[in-house]
Amino acid sequence: KNIEFWFPCEAYKKIMSQKKIISMARKVFTMILQSRCFLFQINIASPARKAIIKNIQEPTQSCSDEAQRVIYMHMERDSYPRFLESKFYQKLKHSLQTDGNNSLAN
C-alpha cells in the first residue's frame, strides 16, 4: 500500500496547471481519505492525516510532502528490508547470479 500511495503523489507533484492541481488533489486525497482504512494501512499518523485534510482546501504541488516523508521512512525501515529477505527476491537474485555466471563462462 505504501508504494500505491507514493506513485500518485509523485505524479501529482508534476502537474503545472493550478486548476489541475486543485482538481487532482481533491480527487486523489479525497479518495485516499474516504477509502476504508487506507491511511491506516499505510500507517500515517493523525497529524499527517490532518495536514492532508487541511491541504486539500488550498492544494499545492507540495501538499503531500509530509505524508510522503513518513511513507518513505516506513518503506526504508520496514518494507524494503523485508523485500530483500523475501523468497521472491532471493529466488530472483539467485537466478540473476546464476545466469550472470553462465554468460560469463560462455
N, C-alpha and C. Protein backbone atom coordinates (compact mmCIF):
# COMPACT_ATOMS: atom_id res chain seq x y z
N LYS A 1 0.83 -1.20 0.00
CA LYS A 1 0.00 0.00 0.00
C LYS A 1 0.87 1.25 0.00
N ASN A 2 2.04 1.18 0.59
CA ASN A 2 2.90 2.35 0.64
C ASN A 2 3.26 2.85 -0.75
N ILE A 3 3.67 1.95 -1.60
CA ILE A 3 4.09 2.34 -2.95
C ILE A 3 2.88 2.79 -3.77
N GLU A 4 1.71 2.23 -3.48
CA GLU A 4 0.48 2.65 -4.16
C GLU A 4 0.12 4.09 -3.81
N PHE A 5 0.55 4.55 -2.66
CA PHE A 5 0.37 5.95 -2.25
C PHE A 5 1.47 6.82 -2.85
N TRP A 6 2.68 6.31 -2.86
CA TRP A 6 3.85 7.08 -3.29
C TRP A 6 3.76 7.55 -4.75
N PHE A 7 3.44 6.63 -5.66
CA PHE A 7 3.45 6.98 -7.09
C PHE A 7 2.43 8.04 -7.47
N PRO A 8 1.18 7.97 -7.02
CA PRO A 8 0.25 9.06 -7.35
C PRO A 8 0.72 10.41 -6.80
N CYS A 9 1.35 10.40 -5.64
CA CYS A 9 1.89 11.65 -5.09
C CYS A 9 2.99 12.21 -5.98
N GLU A 10 3.83 11.35 -6.49
CA GLU A 10 4.91 11.80 -7.39
C GLU A 10 4.32 12.37 -8.68
N ALA A 11 3.31 11.73 -9.23
CA ALA A 11 2.67 12.23 -10.44
C ALA A 11 1.99 13.57 -10.17
N TYR A 12 1.38 13.69 -9.03
CA TYR A 12 0.69 14.92 -8.63
C TYR A 12 1.65 16.10 -8.60
N LYS A 13 2.86 15.89 -8.11
CA LYS A 13 3.84 16.97 -7.99
C LYS A 13 4.25 17.54 -9.35
N LYS A 14 4.06 16.79 -10.41
CA LYS A 14 4.49 17.21 -11.74
C LYS A 14 3.44 18.03 -12.48
N ILE A 15 2.27 18.15 -11.90
CA ILE A 15 1.20 18.93 -12.55
C ILE A 15 1.55 20.41 -12.44
N MET A 16 1.44 21.11 -13.55
CA MET A 16 1.80 22.52 -13.57
C MET A 16 0.59 23.46 -13.48
N SER A 17 -0.52 23.06 -13.99
CA SER A 17 -1.71 23.91 -14.01
C SER A 17 -2.36 23.95 -12.62
N GLN A 18 -2.57 25.16 -12.10
CA GLN A 18 -3.19 25.30 -10.78
C GLN A 18 -4.58 24.67 -10.77
N LYS A 19 -5.30 24.82 -11.86
CA LYS A 19 -6.64 24.23 -11.95
C LYS A 19 -6.57 22.71 -11.84
N LYS A 20 -5.60 22.11 -12.53
CA LYS A 20 -5.43 20.66 -12.48
C LYS A 20 -4.93 20.21 -11.11
N ILE A 21 -4.07 21.02 -10.48
CA ILE A 21 -3.57 20.71 -9.14
C ILE A 21 -4.75 20.60 -8.17
N ILE A 22 -5.62 21.58 -8.23
CA ILE A 22 -6.78 21.59 -7.32
C ILE A 22 -7.67 20.39 -7.59
N SER A 23 -7.97 20.15 -8.85
CA SER A 23 -8.83 19.02 -9.23
C SER A 23 -8.22 17.69 -8.80
N MET A 24 -6.95 17.49 -9.14
CA MET A 24 -6.28 16.22 -8.82
C MET A 24 -6.12 16.04 -7.31
N ALA A 25 -5.78 17.10 -6.60
CA ALA A 25 -5.61 17.00 -5.14
C ALA A 25 -6.90 16.55 -4.49
N ARG A 26 -7.96 17.18 -4.87
CA ARG A 26 -9.25 16.81 -4.26
C ARG A 26 -9.63 15.38 -4.62
N LYS A 27 -9.38 15.01 -5.87
CA LYS A 27 -9.73 13.66 -6.31
C LYS A 27 -8.89 12.61 -5.59
N VAL A 28 -7.57 12.78 -5.63
CA VAL A 28 -6.67 11.78 -5.05
C VAL A 28 -6.78 11.73 -3.54
N PHE A 29 -6.66 12.87 -2.89
CA PHE A 29 -6.64 12.86 -1.44
C PHE A 29 -8.01 12.57 -0.84
N THR A 30 -9.08 12.98 -1.50
CA THR A 30 -10.40 12.62 -1.02
C THR A 30 -10.60 11.12 -1.15
N MET A 31 -10.16 10.56 -2.27
CA MET A 31 -10.26 9.11 -2.46
C MET A 31 -9.48 8.39 -1.35
N ILE A 32 -8.28 8.88 -1.06
CA ILE A 32 -7.45 8.27 -0.04
C ILE A 32 -8.11 8.36 1.33
N LEU A 33 -8.63 9.53 1.63
CA LEU A 33 -9.24 9.73 2.94
C LEU A 33 -10.55 8.97 3.10
N GLN A 34 -11.26 8.79 2.00
CA GLN A 34 -12.55 8.11 2.09
C GLN A 34 -12.45 6.61 1.95
N SER A 35 -11.36 6.12 1.39
CA SER A 35 -11.28 4.68 1.22
C SER A 35 -11.04 4.03 2.58
N ARG A 36 -11.68 2.94 2.77
CA ARG A 36 -11.67 2.29 4.08
C ARG A 36 -10.27 1.99 4.57
N CYS A 37 -9.92 2.63 5.66
CA CYS A 37 -8.68 2.36 6.39
C CYS A 37 -7.42 2.50 5.53
N PHE A 38 -7.50 3.14 4.37
CA PHE A 38 -6.32 3.25 3.50
C PHE A 38 -5.17 3.93 4.23
N LEU A 39 -5.45 5.03 4.91
CA LEU A 39 -4.37 5.73 5.60
C LEU A 39 -3.83 4.91 6.76
N PHE A 40 -4.69 4.14 7.38
CA PHE A 40 -4.20 3.29 8.46
C PHE A 40 -3.34 2.16 7.90
N GLN A 41 -3.73 1.66 6.74
CA GLN A 41 -2.96 0.60 6.12
C GLN A 41 -1.56 1.08 5.75
N ILE A 42 -1.44 2.33 5.35
CA ILE A 42 -0.12 2.83 5.01
C ILE A 42 0.55 3.50 6.20
N ASN A 43 -0.13 3.48 7.33
CA ASN A 43 0.45 3.88 8.60
C ASN A 43 0.88 5.35 8.64
N ILE A 44 -0.06 6.23 8.35
CA ILE A 44 0.18 7.66 8.50
C ILE A 44 -0.48 8.10 9.79
N ALA A 45 0.28 8.74 10.62
CA ALA A 45 -0.22 9.18 11.92
C ALA A 45 -1.25 10.30 11.78
N SER A 46 -1.98 10.52 12.83
CA SER A 46 -3.04 11.50 12.84
C SER A 46 -2.59 12.90 12.41
N PRO A 47 -1.45 13.41 12.87
CA PRO A 47 -1.04 14.76 12.42
C PRO A 47 -0.87 14.87 10.90
N ALA A 48 -0.33 13.85 10.29
CA ALA A 48 -0.16 13.87 8.82
C ALA A 48 -1.52 13.79 8.13
N ARG A 49 -2.43 12.97 8.66
CA ARG A 49 -3.79 12.90 8.09
C ARG A 49 -4.47 14.25 8.17
N LYS A 50 -4.32 14.92 9.31
CA LYS A 50 -4.92 16.24 9.48
C LYS A 50 -4.31 17.24 8.51
N ALA A 51 -3.02 17.14 8.28
CA ALA A 51 -2.35 18.03 7.32
C ALA A 51 -2.89 17.80 5.91
N ILE A 52 -3.13 16.55 5.55
CA ILE A 52 -3.70 16.25 4.23
C ILE A 52 -5.08 16.88 4.10
N ILE A 53 -5.89 16.72 5.11
CA ILE A 53 -7.25 17.29 5.08
C ILE A 53 -7.17 18.81 4.93
N LYS A 54 -6.28 19.43 5.66
CA LYS A 54 -6.10 20.88 5.56
C LYS A 54 -5.60 21.28 4.18
N ASN A 55 -4.65 20.55 3.65
CA ASN A 55 -4.05 20.90 2.37
C ASN A 55 -5.00 20.72 1.20
N ILE A 56 -6.01 19.90 1.34
CA ILE A 56 -7.00 19.73 0.27
C ILE A 56 -7.73 21.04 0.04
N GLN A 57 -7.88 21.82 1.09
CA GLN A 57 -8.61 23.08 0.98
C GLN A 57 -7.90 24.07 0.06
N GLU A 58 -6.58 24.14 0.13
CA GLU A 58 -5.78 25.01 -0.73
C GLU A 58 -4.56 24.22 -1.22
N PRO A 59 -4.78 23.31 -2.15
CA PRO A 59 -3.71 22.40 -2.56
C PRO A 59 -2.58 23.08 -3.34
N THR A 60 -1.38 22.58 -3.11
CA THR A 60 -0.19 22.99 -3.84
C THR A 60 0.51 21.72 -4.30
N GLN A 61 1.57 21.86 -5.08
CA GLN A 61 2.31 20.69 -5.53
C GLN A 61 3.00 19.98 -4.38
N SER A 62 3.21 20.66 -3.27
CA SER A 62 3.94 20.05 -2.16
C SER A 62 3.03 19.60 -1.01
N CYS A 63 1.73 19.58 -1.22
CA CYS A 63 0.84 19.27 -0.10
C CYS A 63 0.92 17.82 0.37
N SER A 64 1.54 16.95 -0.40
CA SER A 64 1.67 15.56 0.04
C SER A 64 3.06 15.26 0.60
N ASP A 65 3.91 16.26 0.67
CA ASP A 65 5.30 16.04 1.08
C ASP A 65 5.46 15.38 2.45
N GLU A 66 4.72 15.85 3.43
CA GLU A 66 4.86 15.29 4.78
C GLU A 66 4.42 13.83 4.82
N ALA A 67 3.28 13.54 4.18
CA ALA A 67 2.81 12.16 4.14
C ALA A 67 3.81 11.28 3.40
N GLN A 68 4.37 11.79 2.31
CA GLN A 68 5.36 11.02 1.56
C GLN A 68 6.63 10.79 2.38
N ARG A 69 7.01 11.78 3.15
CA ARG A 69 8.21 11.63 4.00
C ARG A 69 8.00 10.49 4.99
N VAL A 70 6.84 10.44 5.60
CA VAL A 70 6.52 9.38 6.56
C VAL A 70 6.51 8.02 5.86
N ILE A 71 5.87 7.96 4.71
CA ILE A 71 5.79 6.70 3.96
C ILE A 71 7.17 6.25 3.52
N TYR A 72 8.00 7.18 3.09
CA TYR A 72 9.37 6.83 2.68
C TYR A 72 10.13 6.19 3.85
N MET A 73 9.99 6.78 5.03
CA MET A 73 10.66 6.21 6.22
C MET A 73 10.18 4.79 6.47
N HIS A 74 8.87 4.56 6.35
CA HIS A 74 8.33 3.22 6.56
C HIS A 74 8.89 2.24 5.53
N MET A 75 8.94 2.67 4.28
CA MET A 75 9.46 1.79 3.24
C MET A 75 10.94 1.50 3.48
N GLU A 76 11.68 2.53 3.82
CA GLU A 76 13.12 2.38 4.03
C GLU A 76 13.43 1.46 5.22
N ARG A 77 12.69 1.62 6.28
CA ARG A 77 12.98 0.89 7.52
C ARG A 77 12.31 -0.48 7.61
N ASP A 78 11.20 -0.64 6.89
CA ASP A 78 10.43 -1.88 7.06
C ASP A 78 10.22 -2.62 5.74
N SER A 79 9.54 -2.00 4.79
CA SER A 79 9.16 -2.70 3.55
C SER A 79 10.36 -3.17 2.75
N TYR A 80 11.33 -2.30 2.53
CA TYR A 80 12.48 -2.66 1.71
C TYR A 80 13.32 -3.76 2.35
N PRO A 81 13.68 -3.66 3.63
CA PRO A 81 14.42 -4.78 4.23
C PRO A 81 13.66 -6.10 4.17
N ARG A 82 12.34 -6.06 4.37
CA ARG A 82 11.56 -7.30 4.27
C ARG A 82 11.56 -7.84 2.85
N PHE A 83 11.51 -6.94 1.86
CA PHE A 83 11.57 -7.36 0.47
C PHE A 83 12.90 -8.06 0.18
N LEU A 84 13.99 -7.50 0.67
CA LEU A 84 15.31 -8.09 0.44
C LEU A 84 15.43 -9.49 1.03
N GLU A 85 14.65 -9.76 2.07
CA GLU A 85 14.67 -11.07 2.71
C GLU A 85 13.61 -12.02 2.15
N SER A 86 12.76 -11.52 1.29
CA SER A 86 11.66 -12.34 0.78
C SER A 86 12.16 -13.47 -0.11
N LYS A 87 11.38 -14.53 -0.17
CA LYS A 87 11.70 -15.66 -1.04
C LYS A 87 11.72 -15.23 -2.50
N PHE A 88 10.79 -14.37 -2.87
CA PHE A 88 10.72 -13.88 -4.25
C PHE A 88 12.04 -13.20 -4.64
N TYR A 89 12.50 -12.28 -3.82
CA TYR A 89 13.73 -11.56 -4.14
C TYR A 89 14.94 -12.50 -4.11
N GLN A 90 14.99 -13.37 -3.14
CA GLN A 90 16.12 -14.30 -3.04
C GLN A 90 16.19 -15.21 -4.27
N LYS A 91 15.03 -15.67 -4.73
CA LYS A 91 14.99 -16.52 -5.93
C LYS A 91 15.44 -15.72 -7.16
N LEU A 92 14.95 -14.50 -7.29
CA LEU A 92 15.33 -13.65 -8.41
C LEU A 92 16.83 -13.35 -8.37
N LYS A 93 17.33 -13.03 -7.22
CA LYS A 93 18.76 -12.72 -7.05
C LYS A 93 19.61 -13.93 -7.44
N HIS A 94 19.21 -15.10 -6.96
CA HIS A 94 19.94 -16.33 -7.27
C HIS A 94 19.91 -16.61 -8.78
N SER A 95 18.73 -16.42 -9.37
CA SER A 95 18.57 -16.64 -10.81
C SER A 95 19.47 -15.70 -11.61
N LEU A 96 19.51 -14.46 -11.23
CA LEU A 96 20.34 -13.48 -11.94
C LEU A 96 21.83 -13.79 -11.76
N GLN A 97 22.19 -14.19 -10.56
CA GLN A 97 23.60 -14.54 -10.31
C GLN A 97 23.99 -15.77 -11.13
N THR A 98 23.10 -16.76 -11.17
CA THR A 98 23.38 -17.98 -11.93
C THR A 98 23.47 -17.68 -13.42
N ASP A 99 22.52 -16.90 -13.94
CA ASP A 99 22.53 -16.52 -15.36
C ASP A 99 23.76 -15.69 -15.68
N GLY A 100 24.13 -14.80 -14.78
CA GLY A 100 25.31 -13.96 -14.99
C GLY A 100 26.58 -14.78 -15.03
N ASN A 101 26.70 -15.76 -14.16
CA ASN A 101 27.88 -16.63 -14.14
C ASN A 101 27.94 -17.49 -15.39
N ASN A 102 26.78 -17.97 -15.86
CA ASN A 102 26.73 -18.79 -17.07
C ASN A 102 27.12 -17.98 -18.31
N SER A 103 26.68 -16.73 -18.38
CA SER A 103 27.01 -15.93 -19.56
C SER A 103 28.47 -15.51 -19.56
N LEU A 104 29.06 -15.40 -18.38
CA LEU A 104 30.49 -15.08 -18.30
C LEU A 104 31.34 -16.26 -18.74
N ALA A 105 30.84 -17.47 -18.46
CA ALA A 105 31.60 -18.69 -18.82
C ALA A 105 31.56 -18.94 -20.32
N ASN A 106 30.55 -18.44 -21.01
CA ASN A 106 30.42 -18.69 -22.45
C ASN A 106 31.26 -17.79 -23.26
